[in-house]
Amino acid sequence: MKTTMMDETVTNQLMIEHLKRLHNGQSQVLERLESIEADMRSVKSYLGTIKHDMATLIDASAAQDTIIAAMRTRIDRIERRLDLTDAPAE
């Protein structure tokens, strides 16, 4: 009976040691996961900034296209008035 109780104590101690190791490993995994989550939040924030910047650049490009088109129209009109082109004057 004494051997059985001693065996049970050793088995319990081994189980406790294994559980402690598992718990420590789990804690390390959770810490790493939290770190990865923080990194992902940073990446998402950065991507949001990039999307905003791209939208701003697209708007600016569209505005420049409108300005260039208006300038081309004006230059064409000036060229026609000065008879610098073959097109008929207005």
Protein backbone atom coordinates (compact mmCIF):
# COMPACT_ATOMS: atom_id res chain seq x y z
CA MET A 1 0.00 0.00 0.00
CA LYS A 2 2.89 2.31 0.75
CA THR A 3 4.33 1.74 -2.73
CA THR A 4 1.04 2.57 -4.38
CA MET A 5 0.73 5.82 -2.46
CA MET A 6 4.32 6.72 -3.28
CA ASP A 7 3.75 5.89 -6.95
CA GLU A 8 0.62 8.02 -6.92
CA THR A 9 2.53 10.94 -5.37
CA VAL A 10 5.29 10.67 -7.99
CA THR A 11 2.69 10.46 -10.76
CA ASN A 12 0.87 13.51 -9.39
CA GLN A 13 4.12 15.44 -9.15
CA LEU A 14 5.01 14.52 -12.73
CA MET A 15 1.57 15.58 -13.89
CA ILE A 16 1.92 18.87 -12.05
CA GLU A 17 5.33 19.48 -13.66
CA HIS A 18 3.93 18.73 -17.11
CA LEU A 19 0.96 20.99 -16.49
CA LYS A 20 3.31 23.79 -15.38
CA ARG A 21 5.33 23.39 -18.58
CA LEU A 22 2.17 23.40 -20.67
CA HIS A 23 0.96 26.49 -18.87
CA ASN A 24 4.30 28.27 -19.43
CA GLY A 25 4.25 27.29 -23.10
CA GLN A 26 0.69 28.52 -23.43
CA SER A 27 1.64 31.80 -21.79
CA GLN A 28 4.46 32.26 -24.30
CA VAL A 29 2.11 31.52 -27.19
CA LEU A 30 -0.40 34.05 -25.85
CA GLU A 31 2.29 36.71 -25.48
CA ARG A 32 3.45 36.12 -29.05
CA LEU A 33 -0.14 36.22 -30.29
CA GLU A 34 -0.70 39.56 -28.55
CA SER A 35 2.46 40.87 -30.20
CA ILE A 36 1.27 39.70 -33.61
CA GLU A 37 -2.14 41.29 -33.03
CA ALA A 38 -0.46 44.60 -32.19
CA ASP A 39 1.62 44.35 -35.35
CA MET A 40 -1.50 43.63 -37.40
CA ARG A 41 -3.25 46.68 -35.94
CA SER A 42 -0.25 48.78 -36.98
CA VAL A 43 -0.33 47.35 -40.49
CA LYS A 44 -4.07 48.00 -40.80
CA SER A 45 -3.59 51.57 -39.65
CA TYR A 46 -0.76 52.07 -42.13
CA LEU A 47 -2.87 50.62 -44.95
CA GLY A 48 -5.66 53.02 -44.05
CA THR A 49 -3.21 55.90 -44.37
CA ILE A 50 -2.02 54.61 -47.73
CA LYS A 51 -5.61 54.29 -49.00
CA HIS A 52 -6.31 57.86 -47.94
CA ASP A 53 -3.16 59.13 -49.63
CA MET A 54 -3.99 57.25 -52.82
CA ALA A 55 -7.50 58.73 -52.89
CA THR A 56 -6.01 62.20 -52.45
CA LEU A 57 -3.57 61.61 -55.31
CA ILE A 58 -6.36 60.33 -57.57
CA ASP A 59 -8.45 63.43 -56.81
CA ALA A 60 -5.46 65.69 -57.50
CA SER A 61 -4.77 63.88 -60.77
CA ALA A 62 -8.37 64.30 -61.88
CA ALA A 63 -8.24 68.00 -61.05
CA GLN A 64 -5.02 68.38 -63.03
CA ASP A 65 -6.58 66.56 -65.99
CA THR A 66 -9.46 69.04 -65.93
CA ILE A 67 -7.07 72.00 -65.80
CA ILE A 68 -4.96 70.61 -68.65
CA ALA A 69 -8.05 70.01 -70.79
CA ALA A 70 -9.19 73.60 -70.22
CA MET A 71 -5.72 74.89 -71.10
CA ARG A 72 -5.67 72.85 -74.31
CA THR A 73 -9.02 74.32 -75.28
CA ARG A 74 -7.74 77.84 -74.66
CA ILE A 75 -4.52 77.22 -76.60
CA ASP A 76 -6.49 75.81 -79.53
CA ARG A 77 -8.72 78.89 -79.53
CA ILE A 78 -5.71 81.24 -79.38
CA GLU A 79 -3.99 79.38 -82.23
CA ARG A 80 -7.11 79.62 -84.39
CA ARG A 81 -7.47 83.36 -83.71
CA LEU A 82 -3.83 83.95 -84.63
CA ASP A 83 -4.16 81.74 -87.69
CA LEU A 84 -1.47 79.40 -86.39
CA THR A 85 -3.42 76.30 -87.40
CA ASP A 86 -5.29 75.06 -90.44
CA ALA A 87 -8.58 75.01 -88.53
CA PRO A 88 -11.14 77.74 -89.36
CA ALA A 89 -11.40 80.71 -86.96
CA GLU A 90 -14.45 81.01 -84.70
